[in-house]
Protein backbone atom coordinates (compact mmCIF):
# COMPACT_ATOMS: atom_id res chain seq x y z
CA MET A 1 10.37 14.96 -5.21
CA ILE A 2 8.05 12.08 -4.24
CA ILE A 3 6.09 10.61 -1.40
CA VAL A 4 5.09 7.12 -1.57
CA ILE A 5 1.90 5.19 0.19
CA ASP A 6 2.30 1.50 -0.15
CA GLY A 7 -0.07 -1.11 1.21
CA LEU A 8 -2.46 -4.19 0.89
CA SER A 9 -4.65 -4.33 -1.92
CA GLY A 10 -8.20 -2.44 -0.74
CA SER A 11 -6.63 -0.91 2.04
CA GLY A 12 -7.55 2.58 0.74
CA LYS A 13 -4.15 3.87 -0.40
CA SER A 14 -5.51 5.02 -3.73
CA THR A 15 -8.10 7.04 -2.51
CA THR A 16 -6.21 8.28 0.17
CA ALA A 17 -3.51 9.12 -2.06
CA ARG A 18 -5.75 11.14 -4.67
CA ALA A 19 -7.15 13.07 -1.65
CA VAL A 20 -3.79 14.09 -0.23
CA ALA A 21 -2.85 15.07 -3.80
CA GLU A 22 -5.88 17.29 -4.10
CA ILE A 23 -5.72 18.91 -0.81
CA LEU A 24 -1.86 19.82 -0.94
CA GLY A 25 -1.86 20.63 -4.79
CA ILE A 26 0.83 18.07 -5.84
CA GLU A 27 0.55 15.52 -8.77
CA TYR A 28 -0.73 11.92 -8.12
CA LEU A 29 0.58 8.73 -9.60
CA ASP A 30 -1.43 5.47 -9.59
CA SER A 31 1.21 2.81 -9.82
CA GLY A 32 -1.64 0.04 -9.80
CA ALA A 33 -3.13 1.73 -12.63
CA LEU A 34 -0.10 1.34 -14.78
CA TYR A 35 0.08 -2.64 -13.87
CA ARG A 36 -3.59 -2.80 -14.67
CA ALA A 37 -3.20 -1.07 -18.16
CA VAL A 38 -0.18 -3.75 -18.92
CA THR A 39 -2.26 -6.49 -17.92
CA TRP A 40 -5.05 -5.23 -20.14
CA ILE A 41 -2.36 -5.31 -22.86
CA TRP A 42 -1.46 -8.67 -22.01
CA LEU A 43 -5.07 -9.93 -22.19
CA GLU A 44 -5.70 -8.24 -25.60
CA GLU A 45 -2.72 -9.64 -26.87
CA GLY A 46 -3.61 -13.24 -26.23
CA ARG A 47 -1.71 -13.77 -22.96
CA PRO A 48 1.89 -14.16 -24.36
CA PRO A 49 4.76 -15.83 -22.28
CA GLU A 50 6.68 -13.13 -20.52
CA GLU A 51 9.69 -12.88 -23.10
CA ALA A 52 7.13 -12.27 -26.13
CA PHE A 53 5.40 -10.02 -23.91
CA SER A 54 8.38 -7.94 -23.25
CA GLU A 55 8.79 -7.21 -26.85
CA VAL A 56 5.10 -6.32 -27.12
CA LEU A 57 5.29 -3.65 -24.32
CA ALA A 58 8.40 -2.09 -26.33
CA SER A 59 6.07 -1.22 -29.19
CA LYS A 60 3.13 0.15 -26.88
CA ALA A 61 2.99 4.04 -26.41
CA ILE A 62 1.55 4.56 -22.83
CA GLU A 63 0.48 7.61 -21.70
CA PHE A 64 -1.01 8.95 -18.53
CA GLU A 65 -2.02 11.75 -16.09
CA TYR A 66 -4.14 12.60 -13.29
CA ARG A 67 -7.14 14.69 -14.66
CA ASP A 68 -10.30 15.91 -13.22
CA GLN A 69 -10.00 13.49 -10.16
CA THR A 70 -9.20 10.48 -12.66
CA PHE A 71 -5.99 8.83 -13.37
CA VAL A 72 -6.15 8.69 -17.06
CA VAL A 73 -4.36 5.99 -19.00
CA CYS A 74 -4.04 5.61 -22.64
CA VAL A 75 -2.72 2.96 -24.97
CA ASP A 76 -1.58 3.98 -28.41
CA SER A 77 -3.85 7.01 -27.80
CA ARG A 78 -6.99 4.84 -26.80
CA ASP A 79 -8.27 5.54 -23.44
CA ILE A 80 -8.43 2.66 -21.31
CA SER A 81 -9.09 3.90 -17.88
CA ARG A 82 -12.46 2.24 -17.52
CA GLU A 83 -11.59 -1.28 -18.91
CA ILE A 84 -8.67 -1.53 -16.77
CA ARG A 85 -10.82 -1.58 -13.69
CA LYS A 86 -12.75 -4.34 -14.55
CA PRO A 87 -12.78 -7.79 -12.81
CA VAL A 88 -11.14 -9.87 -15.63
CA VAL A 89 -8.15 -7.31 -14.95
CA SER A 90 -8.07 -7.62 -11.46
CA ASP A 91 -8.12 -11.31 -11.68
CA HIS A 92 -4.78 -11.57 -13.65
CA VAL A 93 -2.98 -8.37 -12.76
CA SER A 94 -1.07 -9.85 -9.50
CA ARG A 95 0.06 -12.60 -12.09
CA VAL A 96 1.27 -10.12 -14.61
CA ALA A 97 2.72 -7.83 -12.34
CA ALA A 98 5.21 -10.67 -10.81
CA MET A 99 6.80 -10.80 -14.18
CA THR A 100 10.37 -9.42 -13.96
CA GLU A 101 10.25 -7.38 -17.34
CA VAL A 102 6.85 -6.19 -16.55
CA ARG A 103 8.09 -4.40 -13.22
CA ARG A 104 11.26 -3.17 -14.96
CA PHE A 105 9.03 -1.62 -17.73
CA VAL A 106 6.56 -0.05 -15.17
CA ASN A 107 9.31 1.03 -12.93
CA ARG A 108 10.99 2.97 -15.84
CA LEU A 109 7.88 4.85 -16.48
CA MET A 110 7.30 5.95 -13.33
CA LYS A 111 10.56 6.99 -12.56
CA GLU A 112 10.99 9.14 -15.80
CA CYS A 113 7.75 10.95 -14.75
CA VAL A 114 8.62 11.93 -11.60
CA ALA A 115 12.28 13.10 -12.38
CA ASP A 116 11.42 16.71 -12.00
CA ARG A 117 7.90 17.21 -10.41
CA PHE A 118 6.40 16.71 -7.00
CA PHE A 119 4.33 13.48 -6.64
CA ILE A 120 2.56 11.44 -4.26
CA ALA A 121 2.02 7.74 -5.59
CA ASP A 122 0.62 4.75 -4.24
CA GLY A 123 1.51 1.04 -4.86
CA ARG A 124 2.89 -2.01 -3.12
CA ASP A 125 6.55 -1.94 -3.46
CA LEU A 126 7.40 1.72 -4.10
CA GLY A 127 9.16 2.64 -0.86
CA SER A 128 11.22 -0.47 -0.88
CA SER A 129 12.06 -0.94 -4.49
CA VAL A 130 11.24 1.79 -6.89
CA PHE A 131 11.89 4.84 -4.78
CA PRO A 132 13.96 3.77 -1.78
CA ASP A 133 15.05 7.56 -1.37
CA ALA A 134 11.47 8.83 -1.17
CA GLU A 135 10.98 11.68 0.73
CA LEU A 136 8.43 10.07 3.11
CA LYS A 137 7.11 6.45 3.00
CA PHE A 138 3.72 5.09 4.52
CA PHE A 139 2.46 1.58 4.46
CA MET A 140 -1.23 1.32 4.64
CA LYS A 141 -3.00 -1.96 6.01
CA ALA A 142 -6.42 -3.24 6.91
CA SER A 143 -8.15 -6.65 7.89
CA LEU A 144 -9.22 -8.69 4.87
CA GLU A 145 -12.78 -8.44 5.77
CA ARG A 146 -12.73 -4.60 5.76
CA ARG A 147 -10.66 -4.52 2.57
CA ALA A 148 -13.10 -6.96 0.78
CA GLU A 149 -16.11 -4.68 1.75
CA ARG A 150 -14.52 -1.63 0.49
CA ARG A 151 -13.70 -3.21 -2.83
CA TYR A 152 -17.25 -4.66 -3.23
CA ALA A 153 -18.77 -1.47 -2.72
CA GLU A 154 -16.49 0.22 -5.14
CA LEU A 155 -17.13 -2.38 -7.92
CA HIS A 156 -20.88 -2.73 -7.14
CA SER A 157 -21.42 1.29 -7.49
CA ASN A 158 -19.63 0.80 -10.89
CA GLY A 159 -22.25 -1.41 -11.98
CA GLU A 160 -19.97 -4.68 -11.72
CA GLU A 161 -21.61 -7.87 -11.24
CA ILE A 162 -19.37 -9.50 -8.51
CA THR A 163 -20.01 -11.09 -5.14
CA LEU A 164 -18.34 -9.94 -1.95
CA ASP A 165 -16.86 -13.68 -1.69
CA GLN A 166 -15.40 -13.44 -4.98
CA VAL A 167 -13.92 -10.14 -4.07
CA ARG A 168 -12.52 -11.70 -0.93
CA GLU A 169 -11.10 -14.51 -2.77
CA ASN A 170 -9.20 -11.99 -5.30
CA LEU A 171 -7.90 -10.09 -2.51
CA GLN A 172 -6.51 -13.10 -0.71
CA MET A 173 -5.05 -14.42 -3.93
CA ARG A 174 -3.38 -11.04 -4.67
CA ASP A 175 -2.18 -10.80 -1.51
CA HIS A 176 -0.16 -14.14 -1.89
CA VAL A 177 1.06 -13.40 -5.22
CA ASP A 178 2.37 -9.82 -4.11
CA GLN A 179 3.96 -10.93 -1.02
CA THR A 180 5.92 -14.27 -2.44
CA ARG A 181 6.72 -13.04 -6.08
CA GLU A 182 10.46 -13.20 -6.81
CA ALA A 183 10.62 -9.81 -8.61
CA ASP A 184 10.46 -7.03 -5.79
CA PRO A 185 7.95 -8.74 -3.39
CA MET A 186 5.85 -6.35 -1.14
CA VAL A 187 7.46 -5.71 2.12
CA ILE A 188 7.17 -3.14 4.62
CA SER A 189 9.95 -0.50 4.36
CA PRO A 190 11.92 0.01 7.43
CA GLU A 191 11.21 3.87 7.22
CA ALA A 192 7.65 3.57 6.50
CA MET A 193 5.01 4.84 8.82
CA VAL A 194 2.34 2.04 9.14
CA ILE A 195 -1.06 3.20 9.35
CA ASP A 196 -3.95 0.62 10.05
CA THR A 197 -7.05 1.72 8.32
CA SER A 198 -9.28 -1.00 9.65
CA GLU A 199 -11.28 1.14 12.06
CA LYS A 200 -10.33 4.74 10.51
CA THR A 201 -12.61 7.01 8.64
CA PHE A 202 -11.48 8.16 5.22
CA ASP A 203 -11.21 11.61 6.74
CA GLU A 204 -8.90 10.39 9.41
CA GLN A 205 -6.44 8.56 7.53
CA VAL A 206 -6.14 11.43 4.91
CA GLY A 207 -5.58 13.83 7.90
CA ASP A 208 -3.14 11.62 9.54
CA ILE A 209 -0.89 11.53 6.35
CA ILE A 210 -1.37 15.08 5.61
CA GLU A 211 -0.16 16.14 9.24
CA VAL A 212 3.19 14.12 8.65
CA ILE A 213 3.41 15.62 5.25
CA ARG A 214 3.43 19.06 6.56
CA LYS A 215 5.42 18.37 9.67
CA GLU A 216 8.31 16.57 7.97
CA THR A 217 8.60 18.55 4.52
CA ASP A 218 9.01 21.84 3.33
CA LEU A 219 5.49 21.71 1.80
CA LYS A 220 3.66 24.51 3.51
CA VAL A 221 -0.05 24.45 2.70
């Protein structure tokens, strides 16, 4: 069983999904972290063209789990959880994620891991492309300025040297690529409940989603 939260970059979907998973005692799947991991591999391998990169991915062992409130990703037994959050990865992740073979690879990883367990996952096209039969679907959005402020605060707290303008430009670029890519463009699934987080507190957006989950599923927590 899976519940999905799609949305714009910086809309708060990842932190919200993690909080919901913690409160309800279910597992969390961070699709964005998997695309970041693949992007990190692409950068490490010298930015190969898509066809060659597909062969590289087939040779890599990617493992992941949600542990101690952190989505941990390892490539060939190396923990890259911190490295995938660096700006250089953010600057290229939309380009890499737009590759058809990359999307097939990551989608296969996700489908395999949710086969027999209860997950909540966040991403951009999960409800429309990856898990069209998800138990529940949400789509989170927020204004560009609000998303930039949130992402800047997150990066700044992690010691990253980056300006608010750079964060804003990165989000604009990622929005454009996500919405116009040929393979699985980001769209709002017709069944999704849309939540605008621009003026909501974190507790409010988490509470809204938990209320729907408790009402619409057999999960009684």
